[in-house]
């Protein structure tokens, strides 16, 4: 009767179940092996990428790089050094294992060699004994019992000799195998020795680069801190200069307006056809056109309201083309942990690059200042911008400038670590973050 597919024999079902389990196990093993290979490849790719970043970090030009770039290179190298130290440790462990295996095999070779020597000596002794007392099949003592015992003894000696020869051959084969394995272990140890030396060489190079970059970073940050300290030391002086210059400009403008009004009044009086009587203005009265400035000789004290400038109201442009290498605010030393306040931003660019006025205004100051080097300060009506470390000033005090007008060239005068523009924004004697107002 034919077998129904739904009523298979038990032994066939068992066979199919075993096949299914074997296939499943094989598939799982293949999948697991594939996953391990994928993970290993990913780790190798990650290690290669880290190594490539470290090589780039080692090639950094420490004299041209900024402190931010030096710190980034130092971080990459520190990570690579940790990785390389782990590789050195693994290589050293592999070398120790390889040497231990070689020593074990060499020791075993000695033991097996000694065993082979003993077997050889025993074999020689038995051969000599057989030679001295050869077996004579024609010899008969006349005693059947003695002859039978003698024959049995000779057969036992023959069998023992054969076993000794077999043992000797087996020991010699083992000895040859051990010598090959010991040679292979020696080669493996030599390879691991080379791997260790290569890893140590790379580690020494990485550490040397780390020392070089760290030293330059320490020097550069020390120079920056000295620059900030000197700028902070002249902060009160700078604020006083700005206030005095603003007052002087306001006074000059007030004088000019008064002169203009006087000239207009004289012209009107002279050209009038009817006699008129002009009363002198009250010296204590305020002139609405004087913008709060009084031409009387008395002293008036007023409190100015707090000025609030939005980025839209400021409507600034970038004063030069470059990258911000030192931001506004408190900077923490990445190595010592000390902190300094930076009153502006540093824009790194090549020496001699153009510097433009960020907005229309009047030049309050154009000269040299301790720490800042060659400086230009411009009043924009409500806020002031400062441009420091110039190599050349191309504008004079009191001049009116338009937005985008060239006012100087980038340099490294004063306390500076390299060519860059130090740019500040001040509102009511308070420094503000320029990045808030720049587009």
Protein backbone atom coordinates (compact mmCIF):
# COMPACT_ATOMS: atom_id res chain seq x y z
CA UNK A 1 0.00 0.00 0.00
CA UNK A 2 1.55 3.43 -0.91
CA UNK A 3 2.67 5.67 1.91
CA UNK A 4 0.56 8.81 2.43
CA UNK A 5 2.55 12.01 2.77
CA UNK A 6 0.60 12.61 5.96
CA UNK A 7 1.38 9.17 7.37
CA UNK A 8 5.16 8.79 7.01
CA UNK A 9 6.98 6.04 8.85
CA UNK A 10 8.45 7.06 12.17
CA UNK A 11 12.01 6.33 11.15
CA UNK A 12 11.62 8.63 8.10
CA UNK A 13 10.21 11.44 10.26
CA UNK A 14 13.09 11.06 12.68
CA UNK A 15 15.57 11.21 9.83
CA UNK A 16 13.99 14.36 8.41
CA UNK A 17 13.99 15.98 11.85
CA UNK A 18 17.70 15.23 12.29
CA UNK A 19 18.45 16.66 8.83
CA UNK A 20 16.47 19.80 9.67
CA UNK A 21 18.39 20.24 12.93
CA UNK A 22 21.72 19.77 11.16
CA UNK A 23 20.79 22.31 8.46
CA UNK A 24 19.62 24.77 11.11
CA UNK A 25 22.80 24.33 13.12
CA UNK A 26 24.94 24.78 10.02
CA UNK A 27 23.02 27.92 9.04
CA UNK A 28 23.44 29.33 12.54
CA UNK A 29 27.16 28.58 12.48
CA UNK A 30 27.55 30.27 9.09
CA UNK A 31 25.54 33.30 10.28
CA UNK A 32 27.60 33.52 13.48
CA UNK A 33 30.84 33.28 11.54
CA UNK A 34 29.63 35.98 9.11
CA UNK A 35 28.70 38.26 12.02
CA UNK A 36 32.13 37.77 13.60
CA UNK A 37 33.83 38.56 10.29
CA UNK A 38 31.71 41.69 9.88
CA UNK A 39 32.55 42.84 13.41
CA UNK A 40 36.24 42.12 12.87
CA UNK A 41 36.23 44.05 9.58
CA UNK A 42 34.47 46.98 11.24
CA UNK A 43 37.03 47.06 14.04
CA UNK A 44 39.91 46.91 11.57
CA UNK A 45 38.38 49.76 9.55
CA UNK A 46 37.95 51.80 12.73
CA UNK A 47 41.56 51.17 13.72
CA UNK A 48 42.77 52.20 10.26
CA UNK A 49 40.74 55.42 10.41
CA UNK A 50 42.12 56.23 13.86
CA UNK A 51 45.65 55.53 12.66
CA UNK A 52 45.12 57.82 9.64
CA UNK A 53 43.87 60.63 11.90
CA UNK A 54 46.89 60.17 14.14
CA UNK A 55 49.28 60.40 11.18
CA UNK A 56 47.62 63.66 10.13
CA UNK A 57 47.87 64.94 13.69
CA UNK A 58 51.61 64.15 13.80
CA UNK A 59 52.16 66.10 10.57
CA UNK A 60 50.54 69.29 11.92
CA UNK A 61 52.60 72.46 11.54
CA UNK A 62 52.85 73.48 15.18
CA UNK A 63 54.11 76.95 14.30
CA UNK A 64 51.20 77.73 11.99
CA UNK A 65 48.40 75.84 13.74
CA UNK A 66 45.99 77.55 16.12
CA UNK A 67 45.61 76.46 19.71
CA UNK A 68 42.26 74.86 18.79
CA UNK A 69 43.93 72.82 16.04
CA UNK A 70 46.79 71.87 18.34
CA UNK A 71 44.36 70.75 21.03
CA UNK A 72 42.43 68.65 18.49
CA UNK A 73 45.67 67.04 17.26
CA UNK A 74 46.76 66.39 20.84
CA UNK A 75 43.42 64.71 21.60
CA UNK A 76 43.68 62.46 18.54
CA UNK A 77 47.25 61.49 19.41
CA UNK A 78 46.36 60.77 23.03
CA UNK A 79 43.61 58.40 21.89
CA UNK A 80 45.96 56.72 19.42
CA UNK A 81 48.66 56.32 22.08
CA UNK A 82 46.20 54.46 24.32
CA UNK A 83 45.28 52.20 21.40
CA UNK A 84 48.94 51.68 20.50
CA UNK A 85 49.83 50.86 24.10
CA UNK A 86 47.14 48.17 24.05
CA UNK A 87 48.60 46.82 20.80
CA UNK A 88 52.07 46.79 22.33
CA UNK A 89 50.74 44.91 25.35
CA UNK A 90 49.01 42.36 23.13
CA UNK A 91 52.13 41.95 20.99
CA UNK A 92 54.29 41.48 24.09
CA UNK A 93 51.86 38.85 25.43
CA UNK A 94 51.87 37.03 22.09
CA UNK A 95 55.66 37.07 22.05
CA UNK A 96 55.84 35.66 25.58
CA UNK A 97 53.40 32.89 24.66
CA UNK A 98 55.36 32.05 21.52
CA UNK A 99 58.63 31.90 23.43
CA UNK A 100 57.03 29.79 26.16
CA UNK A 101 55.73 27.38 23.53
CA UNK A 102 59.16 27.16 21.92
CA UNK A 103 60.77 26.53 25.32
CA UNK A 104 58.21 23.83 26.09
CA UNK A 105 58.86 22.10 22.78
CA UNK A 106 62.64 22.32 23.23
CA UNK A 107 62.31 20.83 26.70
CA UNK A 108 60.12 18.04 25.39
CA UNK A 109 62.66 17.38 22.63
CA UNK A 110 65.32 16.88 25.29
CA UNK A 111 63.09 14.48 27.20
CA UNK A 112 62.13 12.51 24.11
CA UNK A 113 65.76 12.49 22.98
CA UNK A 114 66.84 11.04 26.31
CA UNK A 115 64.12 8.40 26.04
CA UNK A 116 65.26 7.54 22.52
CA UNK A 117 68.84 7.21 23.76
CA UNK A 118 67.79 4.79 26.47
CA UNK A 119 65.85 2.69 23.99
CA UNK A 120 68.84 2.65 21.66
CA UNK A 121 71.14 1.51 24.47
CA UNK A 122 68.72 -1.27 25.44
CA UNK A 123 68.42 -2.36 21.83
CA UNK A 124 72.20 -2.49 21.46
CA UNK A 125 72.56 -4.46 24.66
CA UNK A 126 70.08 -7.04 23.48
CA UNK A 127 71.73 -7.24 20.08
CA UNK A 128 75.08 -7.87 21.74
CA UNK A 129 73.54 -10.48 24.01
CA UNK A 130 72.01 -12.26 21.03
CA UNK A 131 75.34 -12.14 19.27
CA UNK A 132 77.23 -13.55 22.23
CA UNK A 133 74.70 -16.27 22.87
CA UNK A 134 73.25 -17.04 19.43
CA UNK A 135 70.28 -19.28 19.08
CA UNK A 136 71.20 -22.66 17.52
CA UNK A 137 68.17 -24.51 16.24
CA UNK A 138 70.22 -27.74 15.76
CA UNK A 139 71.44 -27.74 19.32
CA UNK A 140 69.61 -30.09 21.61
CA UNK A 141 70.36 -30.75 25.23
CA UNK A 142 68.65 -34.14 25.12
CA UNK A 143 66.13 -32.84 27.62
CA UNK A 144 62.87 -31.98 25.82
CA UNK A 145 61.69 -29.81 28.72
CA UNK A 146 64.90 -27.75 28.76
CA UNK A 147 64.83 -27.35 25.00
CA UNK A 148 61.21 -26.08 25.11
CA UNK A 149 62.06 -23.58 27.87
CA UNK A 150 65.06 -22.36 25.87
CA UNK A 151 62.97 -21.87 22.71
CA UNK A 152 60.31 -19.93 24.63
CA UNK A 153 62.97 -17.66 26.15
CA UNK A 154 64.47 -16.88 22.74
CA UNK A 155 61.04 -16.08 21.30
CA UNK A 156 60.41 -13.66 24.20
CA UNK A 157 63.74 -11.93 23.59
CA UNK A 158 62.94 -11.60 19.87
CA UNK A 159 59.53 -10.06 20.61
CA UNK A 160 61.02 -7.60 23.10
CA UNK A 161 63.62 -6.52 20.57
CA UNK A 162 60.95 -5.90 17.95
CA UNK A 163 58.92 -3.83 20.44
CA UNK A 164 62.03 -1.81 21.31
CA UNK A 165 62.71 -1.12 17.65
CA UNK A 166 59.07 -0.04 17.13
CA UNK A 167 59.28 2.20 20.18
CA UNK A 168 62.53 3.67 18.90
CA UNK A 169 60.99 4.44 15.52
CA UNK A 170 57.93 6.04 17.17
CA UNK A 171 60.13 8.14 19.45
CA UNK A 172 62.27 9.25 16.54
CA UNK A 173 59.11 10.26 14.62
CA UNK A 174 57.91 12.21 17.67
CA UNK A 175 61.31 13.82 17.95
CA UNK A 176 61.26 14.93 14.31
CA UNK A 177 57.73 16.33 14.76
CA UNK A 178 58.72 18.21 17.89
CA UNK A 179 61.73 19.70 16.15
CA UNK A 180 59.55 20.94 13.28
CA UNK A 181 57.06 22.40 15.76
CA UNK A 182 59.88 24.02 17.72
CA UNK A 183 61.26 25.58 14.54
CA UNK A 184 57.81 26.87 13.66
CA UNK A 185 57.42 28.26 17.19
CA UNK A 186 60.78 29.99 16.83
CA UNK A 187 59.66 31.58 13.55
CA UNK A 188 56.37 32.65 15.16
CA UNK A 189 58.29 34.16 18.06
CA UNK A 190 60.52 36.04 15.64
CA UNK A 191 57.49 37.40 13.79
CA UNK A 192 55.91 38.49 17.07
CA UNK A 193 59.20 40.08 18.09
CA UNK A 194 59.16 42.11 14.86
CA UNK A 195 55.50 43.03 15.44
CA UNK A 196 56.31 44.17 18.96
CA UNK A 197 59.28 46.26 17.82
CA UNK A 198 57.18 47.88 15.08
CA UNK A 199 54.42 48.67 17.57
CA UNK A 200 56.95 50.12 20.00
CA UNK A 201 58.46 52.23 17.24
CA UNK A 202 55.08 53.69 16.32
CA UNK A 203 54.31 54.29 19.99
CA UNK A 204 57.59 56.18 20.45
CA UNK A 205 56.83 58.33 17.39
CA UNK A 206 53.32 59.07 18.67
CA UNK A 207 54.63 60.02 22.10
CA UNK A 208 57.35 62.23 20.61
CA UNK A 209 54.72 64.03 18.51
CA UNK A 210 52.51 64.32 21.58
CA UNK A 211 55.33 65.97 23.55
CA UNK A 212 56.10 68.33 20.67
CA UNK A 213 52.47 69.37 20.17
CA UNK A 214 51.81 69.65 23.91
CA UNK A 215 54.84 71.91 24.35
CA UNK A 216 53.73 74.15 21.49
CA UNK A 217 50.17 74.22 22.84
CA UNK A 218 51.41 75.20 26.30
CA UNK A 219 53.56 77.96 24.81
CA UNK A 220 50.76 79.23 22.58
CA UNK A 221 48.16 79.25 25.33
CA UNK A 222 50.65 80.96 27.65
CA UNK A 223 51.10 83.64 24.99
CA UNK A 224 47.33 83.97 24.62
CA UNK A 225 46.90 84.27 28.37
CA UNK A 226 49.60 86.94 28.47
CA UNK A 227 47.77 88.73 25.65
CA UNK A 228 44.46 88.56 27.53
CA UNK A 229 46.10 89.64 30.79
CA UNK A 230 47.68 92.67 29.17
CA UNK A 231 44.42 93.59 27.47
CA UNK A 232 42.61 93.25 30.78
CA UNK A 233 45.23 95.48 32.40
CA UNK A 234 44.47 98.32 29.97
CA UNK A 235 40.69 97.77 30.12
CA UNK A 236 40.08 100.77 32.39
CA UNK A 237 42.41 102.87 30.26
CA UNK A 238 40.60 101.77 27.11
CA UNK A 239 37.17 102.52 28.56
CA UNK A 240 38.40 105.95 29.64
CA UNK A 241 39.77 106.67 26.16
CA UNK A 242 36.44 105.73 24.58
CA UNK A 243 34.47 107.92 27.00
CA UNK A 244 36.82 110.88 26.58
CA UNK A 245 36.81 110.59 22.79
CA UNK A 246 33.03 110.33 22.69
CA UNK A 247 32.73 113.40 24.88
CA UNK A 248 35.22 115.26 22.71
CA UNK A 249 33.35 114.37 19.54
CA UNK A 250 30.06 115.36 21.18
CA UNK A 251 31.61 118.68 22.25
CA UNK A 252 32.98 119.34 18.78
CA UNK A 253 29.62 118.54 17.23
CA UNK A 254 27.88 120.83 19.72
CA UNK A 255 30.33 123.64 18.93
CA UNK A 256 29.78 123.11 15.23
CA UNK A 257 26.01 123.21 15.67
CA UNK A 258 26.25 126.37 17.78
CA UNK A 259 28.47 128.00 15.16
CA UNK A 260 26.02 127.03 12.45
CA UNK A 261 23.09 128.47 14.40
CA UNK A 262 25.06 131.67 15.08
CA UNK A 263 25.93 132.01 11.41
CA UNK A 264 22.33 131.46 10.42
CA UNK A 265 21.14 134.01 12.99
CA UNK A 266 23.67 136.65 11.79
CA UNK A 267 22.70 136.14 8.17
CA UNK A 268 19.02 136.48 8.98
CA UNK A 269 19.62 139.70 10.96
CA UNK A 270 21.77 141.27 8.27
CA UNK A 271 19.44 140.54 5.36
CA UNK A 272 16.23 141.55 7.14
CA UNK A 273 14.59 144.77 5.76
CA UNK A 274 12.68 145.50 8.93
CA UNK A 275 14.33 146.32 12.19
CA UNK A 276 14.08 143.49 14.59
CA UNK A 277 14.96 143.04 18.18
CA UNK A 278 16.66 139.78 19.03
CA UNK A 279 16.84 138.67 22.62
CA UNK A 280 19.82 136.63 23.68
CA UNK A 281 18.85 133.08 24.53
CA UNK A 282 18.71 132.08 28.12
CA UNK A 283 22.08 130.52 28.90
CA UNK A 284 20.41 127.99 31.12
CA UNK A 285 17.84 126.86 28.55
CA UNK A 286 18.33 123.62 26.71
CA UNK A 287 18.46 123.64 22.94
CA UNK A 288 16.38 120.81 21.46
CA UNK A 289 18.78 120.60 18.52
CA UNK A 290 21.81 120.08 20.74
CA UNK A 291 21.09 116.38 21.28
CA UNK A 292 21.37 116.79 25.02
CA UNK A 293 24.58 118.85 24.82
CA UNK A 294 24.63 122.26 26.43
CA UNK A 295 26.83 125.17 25.35
CA UNK A 296 26.62 126.95 28.73
CA UNK A 297 29.59 127.08 31.02
CA UNK A 298 27.76 125.37 33.89
CA UNK A 299 28.21 121.71 34.70
CA UNK A 300 25.20 119.42 34.24
CA UNK A 301 25.16 115.80 35.39
CA UNK A 302 22.80 113.37 33.63
CA UNK A 303 22.31 109.60 33.73
CA UNK A 304 22.07 108.04 30.29
CA UNK A 305 19.52 105.26 29.81
CA UNK A 306 20.82 101.74 29.15
CA UNK A 307 21.35 101.17 25.47
CA UNK A 308 20.01 97.98 23.93
CA UNK A 309 21.15 97.13 20.41
CA UNK A 310 19.70 94.26 18.41
CA UNK A 311 21.54 92.42 15.68
CA UNK A 312 19.10 93.90 13.14
CA UNK A 313 19.72 97.41 14.42
CA UNK A 314 23.50 96.92 14.39
CA UNK A 315 23.40 95.61 10.80
CA UNK A 316 27.11 94.74 10.81
CA UNK A 317 29.33 93.12 8.22
CA UNK A 318 32.36 90.95 8.93
CA UNK A 319 35.43 93.18 9.37
CA UNK A 320 37.72 90.77 7.53
CA UNK A 321 37.70 87.36 5.84
CA UNK A 322 39.00 84.51 7.99
CA UNK A 323 38.10 81.95 10.63
CA UNK A 324 37.33 82.58 14.29
CA UNK A 325 40.13 80.90 16.21
CA UNK A 326 39.44 82.33 19.65
CA UNK A 327 35.84 82.96 20.72
CA UNK A 328 34.41 85.52 23.09
CA UNK A 329 34.18 84.78 26.80
CA UNK A 330 35.99 82.76 29.41
CA UNK A 331 38.54 80.28 28.10
CA UNK A 332 39.74 77.37 30.24
CA UNK A 333 43.28 76.13 29.76
CA UNK A 334 42.98 72.49 28.53
CA UNK A 335 46.07 71.43 30.48
CA UNK A 336 46.39 73.64 33.57
CA UNK A 337 42.69 74.38 34.01
CA UNK A 338 43.32 78.11 34.53
CA UNK A 339 40.81 80.54 33.01
CA UNK A 340 41.02 83.89 31.23
CA UNK A 341 38.36 86.22 29.85
CA UNK A 342 38.54 87.14 26.16
CA UNK A 343 36.80 90.44 25.45
CA UNK A 344 36.30 89.83 21.72
CA UNK A 345 36.89 87.33 18.96
CA UNK A 346 40.09 86.58 17.08
CA UNK A 347 39.74 86.20 13.31
CA UNK A 348 42.77 84.43 11.85
CA UNK A 349 43.82 85.37 8.34
CA UNK A 350 46.98 86.15 6.43
CA UNK A 351 49.05 89.17 7.29
CA UNK A 352 48.16 92.19 5.16
CA UNK A 353 44.53 91.19 4.61
CA UNK A 354 42.08 94.07 4.41
CA UNK A 355 40.11 95.24 7.46
CA UNK A 356 36.78 96.99 6.88
CA UNK A 357 34.56 99.09 9.08
CA UNK A 358 31.70 96.89 10.26
CA UNK A 359 29.24 99.84 10.06
CA UNK A 360 29.10 103.56 9.36
CA UNK A 361 30.62 105.66 12.09
CA UNK A 362 33.17 108.11 13.41
CA UNK A 363 36.73 107.13 14.28
CA UNK A 364 37.22 107.68 18.02
CA UNK A 365 40.81 106.48 18.19
CA UNK A 366 43.53 105.53 15.74
CA UNK A 367 46.86 104.77 17.34
CA UNK A 368 48.95 102.31 19.29
CA UNK A 369 47.86 100.82 22.62
CA UNK A 370 49.67 98.51 25.01
CA UNK A 371 48.62 94.89 24.44
CA UNK A 372 46.39 95.76 21.50
CA UNK A 373 49.13 97.04 19.21
CA UNK A 374 47.85 99.19 16.34
CA UNK A 375 44.18 99.91 17.12
CA UNK A 376 41.22 101.63 15.50
CA UNK A 377 38.04 102.36 17.51
CA UNK A 378 34.88 103.48 15.73
CA UNK A 379 31.72 104.94 17.28
CA UNK A 380 28.54 103.90 15.47
CA UNK A 381 26.07 105.79 17.63
CA UNK A 382 24.96 103.50 20.44
CA UNK A 383 27.83 101.06 20.22
CA UNK A 384 31.55 100.99 19.48
CA UNK A 385 33.70 98.54 17.51
CA UNK A 386 37.40 97.93 18.11
CA UNK A 387 39.97 96.54 15.67
CA UNK A 388 43.35 95.48 17.13
CA UNK A 389 46.76 94.02 16.18
CA UNK A 390 46.74 95.82 12.83
CA UNK A 391 49.92 95.99 10.80
CA UNK A 392 48.82 99.31 9.31
CA UNK A 393 46.11 101.88 10.19
CA UNK A 394 44.60 103.61 7.16
CA UNK A 395 42.22 106.01 8.91
CA UNK A 396 42.68 108.96 11.29
CA UNK A 397 40.82 110.09 14.39
CA UNK A 398 37.65 112.08 13.79
CA UNK A 399 37.17 110.76 10.26
CA UNK A 400 33.78 109.60 9.09
CA UNK A 401 33.82 106.09 7.62
CA UNK A 402 31.23 104.14 5.71
CA UNK A 403 30.32 100.51 6.16
CA UNK A 404 32.80 98.32 4.28
CA UNK A 405 35.40 101.09 3.98
CA UNK A 406 38.94 99.77 4.38
CA UNK A 407 40.46 101.09 7.61
CA UNK A 408 43.64 99.02 7.91
CA UNK A 409 45.52 95.77 7.34
CA UNK A 410 45.72 92.60 9.43
CA UNK A 411 48.93 92.16 11.40
CA UNK A 412 50.37 90.86 14.65
CA UNK A 413 51.31 94.00 16.55
CA UNK A 414 51.06 94.25 20.32
CA UNK A 415 50.88 91.09 22.37
CA UNK A 416 49.90 88.68 19.61
CA UNK A 417 50.60 85.04 18.78
CA UNK A 418 50.29 85.50 15.03
CA UNK A 419 48.49 87.42 12.27
CA UNK A 420 44.85 87.93 13.22
CA UNK A 421 42.25 90.60 13.87
CA UNK A 422 41.02 91.06 17.42
CA UNK A 423 37.47 92.45 17.08
CA UNK A 424 35.32 93.82 19.91
CA UNK A 425 31.87 95.33 20.31
CA UNK A 426 31.22 97.63 23.28
CA UNK A 427 27.90 99.02 24.44
CA UNK A 428 27.92 101.45 27.37
CA UNK A 429 31.49 100.46 28.28
CA UNK A 430 30.49 96.80 28.39
CA UNK A 431 32.00 94.23 26.03
CA UNK A 432 29.52 92.08 24.11
CA UNK A 433 29.85 88.91 22.10
CA UNK A 434 30.43 89.99 18.47
CA UNK A 435 29.00 86.73 17.17
CA UNK A 436 25.54 87.87 18.30
CA UNK A 437 25.70 90.86 15.95
CA UNK A 438 27.69 89.53 13.01
CA UNK A 439 25.70 87.97 10.16
